[in-house]
Amino acid sequence: MIFQKEAVLGLGCGNPVALAGLRQGEVVLDLGSGVGIDVFLASKRVGESGKVIGVDMTKDMIKKADSLVKERGFANVEFRLGEIEALPIEDNSIDVVISNCVLNLCPDKKRAFNEIFRVLKQDGRLMISDLVTDGELPREVKDSFDAWAGCIAGALERNNYLKLIRDIGFSEITIVKETPYTIDVSEELKGTILSISVEA
């Protein structure tokens, strides 16, 4: 794939693009898009009549992603600087929201999911891959910088994660894939960190 070297950072815990069932003409929003691998993959699926918007909070990532857009001539891709808790996106304008191992890093997950709900169209859908826990994490893990850097400390307990999505107003919530997450997981946490892909 032409972007393997430039746009793949080796981050993520799933493949929301493959699971989202994207269709020609849809408008897709990728949260925490980084250099844009999922954005570029999604752009092929929605075609010229569709559009994919990537939002990331890091200026360097947006700059790199924009340079790839120009180099490769993508007409249906756009990147915007912003935070998930305050998305720079219009109300009711998105068909599908995707995200790959980013929402667990949001300090205010309720606000983040409210923003997702706000930007989605009435019949819009969500497909996110994220990290959750099977049971509560020990306090020392939640307070660990290394655990935050490894995307673990901010993970919610699985049932609480699903309840939060439901309480925001989403329906038809389904875990379409669930596997143990073992990258950079200490021996004591093996089996307690899960990678899940959720559709709603």
Protein backbone atom coordinates (compact mmCIF):
# COMPACT_ATOMS: atom_id res chain seq x y z
CA MET A 1 0.00 0.00 0.00
CA ILE A 2 1.46 3.37 -1.01
CA PHE A 3 1.09 4.89 2.45
CA GLN A 4 2.55 2.04 4.45
CA LYS A 5 5.80 3.87 5.10
CA GLU A 6 4.51 7.44 5.32
CA ALA A 7 1.16 7.09 7.10
CA VAL A 8 1.44 4.01 9.31
CA LEU A 9 2.81 4.74 12.77
CA GLY A 10 2.20 1.28 14.21
CA LEU A 11 -0.43 2.63 16.60
CA GLY A 12 -3.96 1.37 17.07
CA CYS A 13 -5.81 -1.60 18.48
CA GLY A 14 -8.16 -2.58 15.66
CA ASN A 15 -9.27 -1.97 12.10
CA PRO A 16 -12.41 0.20 12.14
CA VAL A 17 -12.22 0.94 8.40
CA ALA A 18 -12.55 -2.73 7.54
CA LEU A 19 -15.46 -3.21 9.96
CA ALA A 20 -17.44 -0.03 9.25
CA GLY A 21 -19.05 -1.17 5.98
CA LEU A 22 -18.28 2.15 4.33
CA ARG A 23 -20.25 2.95 1.19
CA GLN A 24 -19.74 5.17 -1.84
CA GLY A 25 -20.77 8.76 -1.19
CA GLU A 26 -20.61 8.67 2.62
CA VAL A 27 -19.00 11.36 4.76
CA VAL A 28 -16.63 9.80 7.28
CA LEU A 29 -14.93 11.33 10.32
CA ASP A 30 -11.78 9.76 11.77
CA LEU A 31 -11.02 10.78 15.35
CA GLY A 32 -7.37 11.05 16.31
CA SER A 33 -6.38 10.57 12.69
CA GLY A 34 -2.64 11.00 13.17
CA VAL A 35 -0.79 10.96 9.84
CA GLY A 36 -3.92 9.61 8.21
CA ILE A 37 -3.68 5.90 7.40
CA ASP A 38 -7.32 5.19 8.25
CA VAL A 39 -8.42 8.37 6.46
CA PHE A 40 -6.65 7.34 3.26
CA LEU A 41 -8.00 3.79 3.47
CA ALA A 42 -11.54 5.10 4.03
CA SER A 43 -11.25 7.55 1.13
CA LYS A 44 -10.93 4.67 -1.32
CA ARG A 45 -14.14 3.10 0.01
CA VAL A 46 -16.31 6.23 -0.10
CA GLY A 47 -15.04 7.19 -3.55
CA GLU A 48 -15.00 10.53 -5.29
CA SER A 49 -18.59 11.24 -4.27
CA GLY A 50 -17.73 10.78 -0.60
CA LYS A 51 -15.47 12.59 1.82
CA VAL A 52 -13.24 11.70 4.76
CA ILE A 53 -12.26 14.20 7.46
CA GLY A 54 -9.47 13.48 9.91
CA VAL A 55 -9.28 15.35 13.22
CA ASP A 56 -6.15 15.34 15.34
CA MET A 57 -4.97 17.55 18.22
CA THR A 58 -1.32 17.57 17.12
CA LYS A 59 -0.16 20.22 14.65
CA ASP A 60 2.76 18.08 13.44
CA MET A 61 0.41 15.21 12.56
CA ILE A 62 -1.92 17.51 10.63
CA LYS A 63 1.04 19.02 8.78
CA LYS A 64 2.36 15.59 7.77
CA ALA A 65 -1.10 14.40 6.75
CA ASP A 66 -1.71 17.52 4.66
CA SER A 67 1.61 17.02 2.88
CA LEU A 68 0.57 13.47 1.96
CA VAL A 69 -2.74 14.74 0.59
CA LYS A 70 -0.91 17.19 -1.66
CA GLU A 71 1.71 14.65 -2.73
CA ARG A 72 -0.85 11.99 -3.63
CA GLY A 73 -3.55 14.27 -4.99
CA PHE A 74 -6.49 13.17 -2.80
CA ALA A 75 -9.54 15.30 -3.58
CA ASN A 76 -11.93 13.72 -1.06
CA VAL A 77 -9.76 14.04 2.07
CA GLU A 78 -9.42 16.86 4.61
CA PHE A 79 -7.60 17.18 7.92
CA ARG A 80 -8.59 19.54 10.74
CA LEU A 81 -6.79 20.49 13.93
CA GLY A 82 -8.96 19.97 16.99
CA GLU A 83 -9.83 17.94 20.06
CA ILE A 84 -12.40 15.18 20.26
CA GLU A 85 -14.13 16.88 23.20
CA ALA A 86 -14.72 19.96 21.00
CA LEU A 87 -14.86 18.73 17.42
CA PRO A 88 -14.42 21.34 14.65
CA ILE A 89 -17.29 19.69 12.77
CA GLU A 90 -20.81 20.88 11.95
CA ASP A 91 -23.90 19.35 13.60
CA ASN A 92 -25.60 16.43 11.82
CA SER A 93 -23.02 16.33 9.01
CA ILE A 94 -21.31 12.93 9.32
CA ASP A 95 -22.51 9.51 8.14
CA VAL A 96 -19.87 7.41 9.93
CA VAL A 97 -17.46 8.13 12.79
CA ILE A 98 -14.44 5.87 13.10
CA SER A 99 -11.63 5.84 15.64
CA ASN A 100 -8.68 3.57 16.35
CA CYS A 101 -7.50 3.36 19.96
CA VAL A 102 -7.95 7.06 20.73
CA LEU A 103 -11.06 7.57 22.86
CA ASN A 104 -9.46 5.78 25.83
CA LEU A 105 -7.02 8.71 25.96
CA CYS A 106 -9.75 11.36 26.26
CA PRO A 107 -9.90 12.84 29.78
CA ASP A 108 -13.65 13.54 29.39
CA LYS A 109 -15.10 10.54 27.58
CA LYS A 110 -18.71 11.59 28.17
CA ARG A 111 -18.07 14.90 26.45
CA ALA A 112 -16.25 13.11 23.62
CA PHE A 113 -19.17 10.76 22.96
CA ASN A 114 -21.60 13.69 23.18
CA GLU A 115 -19.59 15.42 20.46
CA ILE A 116 -19.70 12.28 18.31
CA PHE A 117 -23.46 12.10 18.76
CA ARG A 118 -23.79 15.79 17.85
CA VAL A 119 -21.92 15.56 14.55
CA LEU A 120 -23.56 12.34 13.34
CA LYS A 121 -26.61 12.49 11.10
CA GLN A 122 -29.87 11.07 12.42
CA ASP A 123 -29.18 7.71 10.79
CA GLY A 124 -25.40 7.93 11.25
CA ARG A 125 -23.30 5.24 12.82
CA LEU A 126 -20.20 4.74 14.92
CA MET A 127 -17.45 2.14 14.52
CA ILE A 128 -14.63 2.46 17.00
CA SER A 129 -11.78 0.23 18.08
CA ASP A 130 -10.64 0.96 21.61
CA LEU A 131 -9.11 -0.45 24.77
CA VAL A 132 -11.27 -1.40 27.75
CA THR A 133 -10.66 -3.43 30.87
CA ASP A 134 -12.16 -6.60 32.25
CA GLY A 135 -12.62 -5.30 35.78
CA GLU A 136 -11.16 -2.17 37.36
CA LEU A 137 -7.47 -1.32 37.00
CA PRO A 138 -5.35 -0.94 40.15
CA ARG A 139 -4.84 2.67 41.27
CA GLU A 140 -1.06 2.49 40.70
CA VAL A 141 -1.70 1.61 37.05
CA LYS A 142 -4.17 4.46 36.57
CA ASP A 143 -1.59 6.87 37.99
CA SER A 144 1.31 5.50 35.95
CA PHE A 145 2.79 7.68 33.21
CA ASP A 146 3.98 4.58 31.35
CA ALA A 147 0.46 3.16 31.43
CA TRP A 148 -0.93 6.41 30.01
CA ALA A 149 1.75 6.45 27.31
CA GLY A 150 0.78 2.88 26.45
CA CYS A 151 -2.91 3.85 26.12
CA ILE A 152 -3.87 1.66 29.08
CA ALA A 153 -4.42 3.90 32.11
CA GLY A 154 -7.37 5.75 30.57
CA ALA A 155 -9.28 2.61 29.59
CA LEU A 156 -12.75 2.22 31.10
CA GLU A 157 -14.20 -1.03 32.38
CA ARG A 158 -16.00 -2.71 29.45
CA ASN A 159 -19.56 -2.55 30.84
CA ASN A 160 -19.10 1.08 31.90
CA TYR A 161 -17.80 1.91 28.43
CA LEU A 162 -20.87 0.41 26.75
CA LYS A 163 -23.21 2.05 29.28
CA LEU A 164 -21.67 5.44 28.55
CA ILE A 165 -22.35 5.04 24.83
CA ARG A 166 -25.92 3.94 25.55
CA ASP A 167 -26.55 6.81 27.99
CA ILE A 168 -25.48 9.36 25.37
CA GLY A 169 -28.33 8.13 23.16
CA PHE A 170 -26.79 5.55 20.84
CA SER A 171 -28.74 2.39 20.07
CA GLU A 172 -28.03 -1.02 18.51
CA ILE A 173 -24.69 -1.15 20.33
CA THR A 174 -22.71 -4.25 19.38
CA ILE A 175 -19.23 -5.50 20.13
CA VAL A 176 -18.25 -6.86 16.73
CA LYS A 177 -14.79 -7.98 17.81
CA GLU A 178 -13.02 -8.52 21.12
CA THR A 179 -9.49 -9.80 21.75
CA PRO A 180 -6.97 -9.67 24.60
CA TYR A 181 -4.56 -6.74 24.22
CA THR A 182 -0.99 -7.77 24.98
CA ILE A 183 1.25 -5.03 23.55
CA ASP A 184 3.31 -3.47 26.35
CA VAL A 185 1.04 -5.08 28.95
CA SER A 186 2.75 -6.11 32.16
CA GLU A 187 2.43 -9.64 33.48
CA GLU A 188 0.04 -8.52 36.21
CA LEU A 189 -2.34 -6.97 33.67
CA LYS A 190 -2.40 -9.77 31.11
CA GLY A 191 -5.97 -10.82 30.46
CA THR A 192 -7.43 -7.63 31.93
CA ILE A 193 -6.86 -5.30 28.94
CA LEU A 194 -9.14 -5.93 25.96
CA SER A 195 -9.22 -4.54 22.45
CA ILE A 196 -12.83 -4.17 21.32
CA SER A 197 -14.50 -2.88 18.18
CA VAL A 198 -17.91 -1.36 18.88
CA GLU A 199 -20.65 -0.46 16.42
CA ALA A 200 -23.60 1.75 17.34
